[in-house]
Amino acid sequence: MKPRRILPYYHPSTVIFVDDNERFLDSFTLLLSERLAVRCFSSTSSALSVINDNAVQPPLDKRCVSFLGAQHRPGGTLRLDLALVEQEISNPHRFNDISVVVVDYDMPEMSGLEFCQAIDSRRIKKVLLTGVGDEKVAVQAFNDGLIDRFLSKNDPQIRDKINQTIDDLQRRYFEDISSLIQSTLEMKSPEFLLEDEFIFLFQDLLRQHDIVEYYYVEDPNGFLMVSHRGDLYRLIVLSESQADEQIFSVRKYSPPREVINSLKGYRSIIWLCELPDENDESGSFDWSEYVHKAQRFHGNKPWLYTLVENPPADIEYSGSESSYNAHLTAIDQRG
């Protein structure tokens, strides 16, 4: 089975549930993953107000992609500011992005279909919960593109289906909102991003380190990654030729011989996030802080990679305050 491509960025988002039956809402949310950020509404007007007034600032793709020249004329080009992509970890509102709405079909104030029609954003994915006699209406709504999925409340497998559906649609939501960034990146991004071997490796790293959000970065190429509890990681990926270039770039700083030998043998990757001549005290530069053990994977050619824990960053970020875990804790405390 071919793996799904890696998105330019991804972070947890919010799911809205709407049903006029509060008892049903309370019981239904018990079926959901504990790691899902959920907001429940028994009032359709209140829910619509939150959904349609949700945007605190323009979405990320509108902020980091700009057009040079006329947008709709030949010769106009796109400019991607990747620095704004990684800076999204300092956006305190990122987890409040509404990606999926799950709404009951049969409600007194307005039907679930009327509710879906009243949602302003075309990007939000919509799931309709149906009763026994509502399936034909739901099928038609799906075929018309008004909803993205429909599920029966009485399905004995509803627990598994609702969690899988939300997971799939949150992924689709990010595919949509990052499509402009993705298409711009494809013009210049390194080929390892499209190789199955790297995608499988990337997925393993997400599982091993409980990574819930990631952002593509350059110089060097890779990803800024954040765990559920807010631990930062920097994934660096280099071809052997790029690793060779590292040797020439650091020689002028007269590194220790063991550093050069390790780079020559592709046993290490060096990341000079601070240059030796910027150090305050002459001769006190600790090279070991910038040399990281390299590992390999083989795609169309050999690649080296390393995962740097707690990397230095110019971005203002507090894991204890800005992590997804902190966000979920705040939701629980608000009740």
Protein backbone atom coordinates (compact mmCIF):
# COMPACT_ATOMS: atom_id res chain seq x y z
CA MET A 1 0.00 0.00 0.00
CA LYS A 2 1.43 3.35 -1.06
CA PRO A 3 1.80 5.73 1.91
CA ARG A 4 0.08 9.10 2.02
CA ARG A 5 2.34 12.00 1.09
CA ILE A 6 3.71 14.22 3.82
CA LEU A 7 1.94 17.55 4.10
CA PRO A 8 3.89 20.84 4.34
CA TYR A 9 2.50 21.28 7.84
CA TYR A 10 0.01 19.69 10.19
CA HIS A 11 -1.30 20.37 13.68
CA PRO A 12 -4.30 19.21 15.72
CA SER A 13 -7.56 21.07 15.11
CA THR A 14 -11.05 21.34 16.57
CA VAL A 15 -14.16 19.28 15.84
CA ILE A 16 -17.64 20.75 16.35
CA PHE A 17 -20.60 18.51 17.32
CA VAL A 18 -24.15 19.82 16.96
CA ASP A 19 -27.27 18.04 18.23
CA ASP A 20 -30.29 19.47 19.99
CA ASN A 21 -30.32 16.44 22.33
CA GLU A 22 -27.82 17.29 25.06
CA ARG A 23 -27.99 13.81 26.59
CA PHE A 24 -27.05 12.31 23.25
CA LEU A 25 -24.15 14.77 22.92
CA ASP A 26 -22.84 13.84 26.36
CA SER A 27 -22.96 10.12 25.62
CA PHE A 28 -21.69 10.41 22.06
CA THR A 29 -18.57 12.34 23.01
CA LEU A 30 -17.58 9.42 25.26
CA LEU A 31 -17.00 7.45 22.06
CA LEU A 32 -14.35 9.89 20.85
CA SER A 33 -10.60 9.78 21.20
CA GLU A 34 -9.36 11.47 24.39
CA ARG A 35 -6.92 13.41 22.23
CA LEU A 36 -9.60 15.08 20.17
CA ALA A 37 -10.36 18.76 20.76
CA VAL A 38 -14.16 18.89 20.76
CA ARG A 39 -16.76 21.61 21.18
CA CYS A 40 -20.42 20.60 21.54
CA PHE A 41 -23.54 22.68 20.86
CA SER A 42 -27.22 21.95 21.32
CA SER A 43 -28.10 25.26 19.66
CA THR A 44 -27.56 25.52 15.90
CA SER A 45 -27.46 29.33 15.98
CA SER A 46 -24.77 29.32 18.68
CA ALA A 47 -22.74 26.76 16.76
CA LEU A 48 -22.97 28.70 13.50
CA SER A 49 -21.91 31.88 15.25
CA VAL A 50 -18.75 30.18 16.54
CA ILE A 51 -17.98 28.47 13.22
CA ASN A 52 -18.50 31.48 10.98
CA ASP A 53 -16.74 33.91 13.33
CA ASN A 54 -13.87 31.54 14.10
CA ALA A 55 -11.09 33.12 12.05
CA VAL A 56 -8.85 35.23 14.31
CA GLN A 57 -6.42 35.86 11.43
CA PRO A 58 -6.13 34.78 7.79
CA PRO A 59 -5.27 31.08 7.30
CA LEU A 60 -1.61 30.17 7.06
CA ASP A 61 -1.58 29.69 3.29
CA LYS A 62 -2.90 33.24 2.83
CA ARG A 63 -0.19 34.60 5.12
CA CYS A 64 2.88 32.82 3.77
CA VAL A 65 2.10 32.69 0.02
CA SER A 66 1.95 35.89 -1.97
CA PHE A 67 1.75 36.73 -5.64
CA LEU A 68 4.44 38.76 -7.36
CA GLY A 69 2.80 40.53 -10.24
CA ALA A 70 -0.83 40.06 -11.22
CA GLN A 71 -2.38 37.00 -9.61
CA HIS A 72 -4.49 35.97 -12.58
CA ARG A 73 -2.24 37.07 -15.42
CA PRO A 74 0.49 35.15 -17.26
CA GLY A 75 3.88 35.85 -15.75
CA GLY A 76 2.63 36.28 -12.20
CA THR A 77 4.74 34.20 -9.79
CA LEU A 78 4.23 32.83 -6.31
CA ARG A 79 6.45 33.68 -3.36
CA LEU A 80 6.52 31.33 -0.37
CA ASP A 81 7.78 32.62 2.98
CA LEU A 82 8.67 29.37 4.73
CA ALA A 83 9.73 31.19 7.89
CA LEU A 84 6.05 31.85 8.56
CA VAL A 85 5.29 28.12 8.34
CA GLU A 86 7.53 27.14 11.25
CA GLN A 87 6.48 30.22 13.21
CA GLU A 88 2.99 28.73 13.37
CA ILE A 89 4.04 26.90 16.55
CA SER A 90 3.90 30.26 18.31
CA ASN A 91 0.35 30.91 17.09
CA PRO A 92 -1.78 30.40 20.23
CA HIS A 93 -4.95 29.97 18.14
CA ARG A 94 -3.78 27.20 15.81
CA PHE A 95 -5.58 24.38 17.66
CA ASN A 96 -8.84 26.36 17.49
CA ASP A 97 -8.98 25.92 13.72
CA ILE A 98 -12.26 24.14 12.99
CA SER A 99 -11.60 21.29 10.57
CA VAL A 100 -14.68 19.06 10.93
CA VAL A 101 -18.32 19.61 11.87
CA VAL A 102 -20.51 16.66 12.89
CA VAL A 103 -24.20 17.55 12.87
CA ASP A 104 -27.46 15.71 13.48
CA TYR A 105 -29.89 15.70 10.56
CA ASP A 106 -33.15 16.00 12.50
CA MET A 107 -33.20 19.18 14.64
CA PRO A 108 -36.07 21.61 15.36
CA GLU A 109 -34.34 24.96 14.78
CA MET A 110 -32.93 23.92 11.40
CA SER A 111 -32.06 20.60 9.77
CA GLY A 112 -28.52 19.32 9.59
CA LEU A 113 -28.47 20.02 5.85
CA GLU A 114 -29.63 23.59 6.34
CA PHE A 115 -26.93 23.95 8.96
CA CYS A 116 -24.25 22.69 6.55
CA GLN A 117 -25.46 25.12 3.89
CA ALA A 118 -25.10 28.00 6.37
CA ILE A 119 -21.41 27.30 7.04
CA ASP A 120 -19.38 30.00 5.29
CA SER A 121 -16.08 28.15 4.92
CA ARG A 122 -15.87 25.67 2.07
CA ARG A 123 -12.79 24.14 3.66
CA ILE A 124 -14.53 22.75 6.74
CA LYS A 125 -15.49 19.09 6.34
CA LYS A 126 -19.05 18.11 7.22
CA VAL A 127 -20.42 14.84 8.63
CA LEU A 128 -24.17 14.23 8.86
CA LEU A 129 -25.54 11.94 11.58
CA THR A 130 -28.71 10.24 10.38
CA GLY A 131 -31.58 8.21 11.76
CA VAL A 132 -33.16 5.15 10.21
CA GLY A 133 -35.28 7.00 7.63
CA ASP A 134 -32.75 9.69 6.62
CA GLU A 135 -30.31 7.69 4.49
CA LYS A 136 -31.74 8.66 1.09
CA VAL A 137 -31.54 12.34 1.96
CA ALA A 138 -27.97 11.88 3.18
CA VAL A 139 -26.92 10.04 0.00
CA GLN A 140 -28.32 12.85 -2.12
CA ALA A 141 -26.58 15.49 0.00
CA PHE A 142 -23.29 13.58 -0.35
CA ASN A 143 -23.70 13.28 -4.13
CA ASP A 144 -24.45 17.01 -4.31
CA GLY A 145 -21.26 17.81 -2.40
CA LEU A 146 -23.10 19.39 0.53
CA ILE A 147 -21.62 16.94 3.03
CA ASP A 148 -18.40 14.91 3.03
CA ARG A 149 -19.63 11.84 4.94
CA PHE A 150 -22.76 10.52 6.63
CA LEU A 151 -23.06 8.02 9.46
CA SER A 152 -26.01 6.30 11.08
CA LYS A 153 -26.43 6.96 14.80
CA ASN A 154 -27.60 3.37 15.20
CA ASP A 155 -24.60 1.75 13.51
CA PRO A 156 -23.16 -0.83 15.96
CA GLN A 157 -19.65 0.18 14.78
CA ILE A 158 -20.24 3.89 15.26
CA ARG A 159 -17.34 4.28 17.75
CA ASP A 160 -14.71 3.09 15.27
CA LYS A 161 -16.36 4.75 12.30
CA ILE A 162 -16.73 8.20 13.82
CA ASN A 163 -13.12 8.31 15.03
CA GLN A 164 -11.78 7.05 11.69
CA THR A 165 -14.01 9.46 9.78
CA ILE A 166 -12.82 12.44 11.81
CA ASP A 167 -9.18 11.39 11.38
CA ASP A 168 -9.61 11.05 7.61
CA LEU A 169 -11.44 14.35 7.23
CA GLN A 170 -8.97 16.27 9.37
CA ARG A 171 -6.27 15.00 7.05
CA ARG A 172 -8.32 16.10 4.01
CA TYR A 173 -8.87 19.50 5.60
CA PHE A 174 -5.10 20.03 5.83
CA GLU A 175 -4.59 18.73 2.32
CA ASP A 176 -6.96 21.44 1.14
CA ILE A 177 -5.63 24.33 3.20
CA SER A 178 -1.99 23.51 2.42
CA SER A 179 -2.46 22.78 -1.29
CA LEU A 180 -1.11 26.16 -2.41
CA ILE A 181 1.96 25.75 -0.19
CA GLN A 182 2.36 22.17 -1.44
CA SER A 183 2.24 23.16 -5.11
CA THR A 184 4.74 25.97 -4.51
CA LEU A 185 7.10 23.66 -2.62
CA GLU A 186 7.01 21.04 -5.37
CA MET A 187 8.80 23.48 -7.66
CA LYS A 188 11.91 23.42 -5.49
CA SER A 189 11.57 20.86 -2.69
CA PRO A 190 14.10 17.99 -2.36
CA GLU A 191 13.07 14.68 -3.88
CA PHE A 192 13.23 12.74 -0.60
CA LEU A 193 9.83 14.22 0.34
CA LEU A 194 8.19 12.08 -2.34
CA GLU A 195 10.08 8.85 -1.66
CA ASP A 196 8.15 6.04 0.04
CA GLU A 197 11.14 5.09 2.17
CA PHE A 198 11.26 8.54 3.72
CA ILE A 199 7.49 8.70 4.21
CA PHE A 200 7.53 5.40 6.14
CA LEU A 201 10.50 6.65 8.18
CA PHE A 202 8.70 9.91 8.89
CA GLN A 203 5.59 8.09 10.08
CA ASP A 204 7.72 5.93 12.40
CA LEU A 205 9.30 9.04 13.92
CA LEU A 206 5.86 10.52 14.55
CA ARG A 207 4.82 7.39 16.46
CA GLN A 208 8.07 6.93 18.36
CA HIS A 209 8.17 10.49 19.69
CA ASP A 210 4.43 11.14 19.97
CA ILE A 211 4.66 13.94 17.40
CA VAL A 212 1.31 15.65 16.80
CA GLU A 213 2.38 18.65 14.72
CA TYR A 214 5.09 19.31 12.15
CA TYR A 215 6.23 22.08 9.79
CA TYR A 216 8.50 21.92 6.75
CA VAL A 217 11.68 24.02 7.06
CA GLU A 218 14.77 24.75 5.00
CA ASP A 219 18.45 25.52 5.60
CA PRO A 220 18.90 22.66 6.23
CA ASN A 221 15.93 20.80 4.73
CA GLY A 222 13.66 18.90 7.08
CA PHE A 223 10.89 19.49 9.60
CA LEU A 224 10.30 21.24 12.87
CA MET A 225 8.31 18.75 14.94
CA VAL A 226 6.37 19.10 18.19
CA SER A 227 5.24 16.31 20.50
CA HIS A 228 1.91 16.07 22.30
CA ARG A 229 3.50 17.53 25.44
CA GLY A 230 5.37 20.26 23.58
CA ASP A 231 8.85 18.77 23.14
CA LEU A 232 10.60 20.25 20.10
CA TYR A 233 12.56 18.24 17.52
CA ARG A 234 14.38 19.24 14.34
CA LEU A 235 14.57 16.60 11.62
CA ILE A 236 17.45 17.26 9.20
CA VAL A 237 17.78 15.34 5.91
CA LEU A 238 20.79 15.59 3.58
CA SER A 239 22.00 13.85 0.47
CA GLU A 240 25.60 12.63 0.48
CA SER A 241 26.58 15.52 -1.79
CA GLN A 242 25.04 17.98 0.66
CA ALA A 243 26.92 16.26 3.47
CA ASP A 244 30.15 16.70 1.48
CA GLU A 245 29.38 20.40 1.12
CA GLN A 246 29.18 20.64 4.89
CA ILE A 247 32.85 19.65 5.15
CA PHE A 248 33.93 22.54 2.93
CA SER A 249 31.70 25.02 4.75
CA VAL A 250 33.13 24.22 8.20
CA ARG A 251 36.82 23.86 7.31
CA LYS A 252 37.34 27.63 7.51
CA TYR A 253 36.50 27.46 11.21
CA SER A 254 39.25 24.89 11.86
CA PRO A 255 37.11 22.25 13.57
CA PRO A 256 38.77 19.35 15.42
CA ARG A 257 40.06 16.54 13.19
CA GLU A 258 37.53 14.07 14.62
CA VAL A 259 34.70 16.31 13.47
CA ILE A 260 35.99 16.34 9.88
CA ASN A 261 36.60 12.57 9.92
CA SER A 262 33.09 11.93 11.20
CA LEU A 263 31.60 14.09 8.45
CA LYS A 264 33.75 12.41 5.78
CA GLY A 265 32.53 9.00 6.91
CA TYR A 266 28.88 10.13 6.81
CA ARG A 267 28.62 9.24 10.49
CA SER A 268 27.57 12.74 11.49
CA ILE A 269 25.60 15.75 10.35
CA ILE A 270 26.65 19.20 11.48
CA TRP A 271 24.15 21.98 12.05
CA LEU A 272 25.84 25.30 12.76
CA CYS A 273 22.86 27.22 14.06
CA GLU A 274 25.50 29.42 15.71
CA LEU A 275 28.80 30.16 13.95
CA PRO A 276 32.12 29.76 15.77
CA ASP A 277 33.18 33.34 15.04
CA GLU A 278 29.97 34.58 16.71
CA ASN A 279 30.99 33.03 20.00
CA ASP A 280 31.82 35.57 22.68
CA GLU A 281 34.87 33.81 24.07
CA SER A 282 37.57 32.92 21.59
CA GLY A 283 38.39 29.23 21.56
CA SER A 284 35.41 28.19 23.70
CA PHE A 285 33.24 26.88 20.85
CA ASP A 286 31.90 23.44 21.79
CA TRP A 287 31.68 21.54 18.50
CA SER A 288 30.00 18.56 20.12
CA GLU A 289 26.81 20.61 20.56
CA TYR A 290 26.50 21.02 16.79
CA VAL A 291 27.51 17.57 15.56
CA HIS A 292 24.72 14.98 15.49
CA LYS A 293 24.80 11.28 14.79
CA ALA A 294 23.68 10.51 11.24
CA GLN A 295 21.45 7.63 10.19
CA ARG A 296 20.65 6.45 6.68
CA PHE A 297 17.77 5.56 4.46
CA HIS A 298 17.88 4.59 0.81
CA GLY A 299 15.44 5.93 -1.75
CA ASN A 300 16.50 6.61 -5.30
CA LYS A 301 19.84 7.48 -3.72
CA PRO A 302 21.36 7.35 -0.22
CA TRP A 303 20.21 9.94 2.29
CA LEU A 304 21.41 10.93 5.76
CA TYR A 305 19.15 12.14 8.53
CA THR A 306 19.28 13.10 12.18
CA LEU A 307 16.66 14.07 14.75
CA VAL A 308 17.85 16.88 17.03
CA GLU A 309 16.06 17.05 20.38
CA ASN A 310 15.28 20.44 21.89
CA PRO A 311 16.84 22.36 18.98
CA PRO A 312 17.71 26.04 19.31
CA ALA A 313 15.07 28.26 17.77
CA ASP A 314 14.47 31.96 17.28
CA ILE A 315 10.76 31.34 17.70
CA GLU A 316 9.14 32.30 20.98
CA TYR A 317 7.67 29.05 22.24
CA SER A 318 6.80 27.48 25.59
CA GLY A 319 5.99 23.77 25.47
CA SER A 320 4.24 23.82 28.84
CA GLU A 321 1.93 26.64 27.74
CA SER A 322 1.60 26.18 23.97
CA SER A 323 1.48 22.40 23.51
CA TYR A 324 -1.54 20.45 22.38
CA ASN A 325 -1.60 18.74 25.77
CA ALA A 326 -1.90 22.17 27.43
CA HIS A 327 -4.71 23.04 25.03
CA LEU A 328 -6.67 19.89 25.90
CA THR A 329 -6.10 20.49 29.61
CA ALA A 330 -7.51 24.00 29.25
CA ILE A 331 -10.58 22.62 27.49
CA ASP A 332 -11.16 20.12 30.31
CA GLN A 333 -10.84 22.85 32.94
CA ARG A 334 -13.39 25.01 31.15
CA GLY A 335 -15.75 22.02 31.21
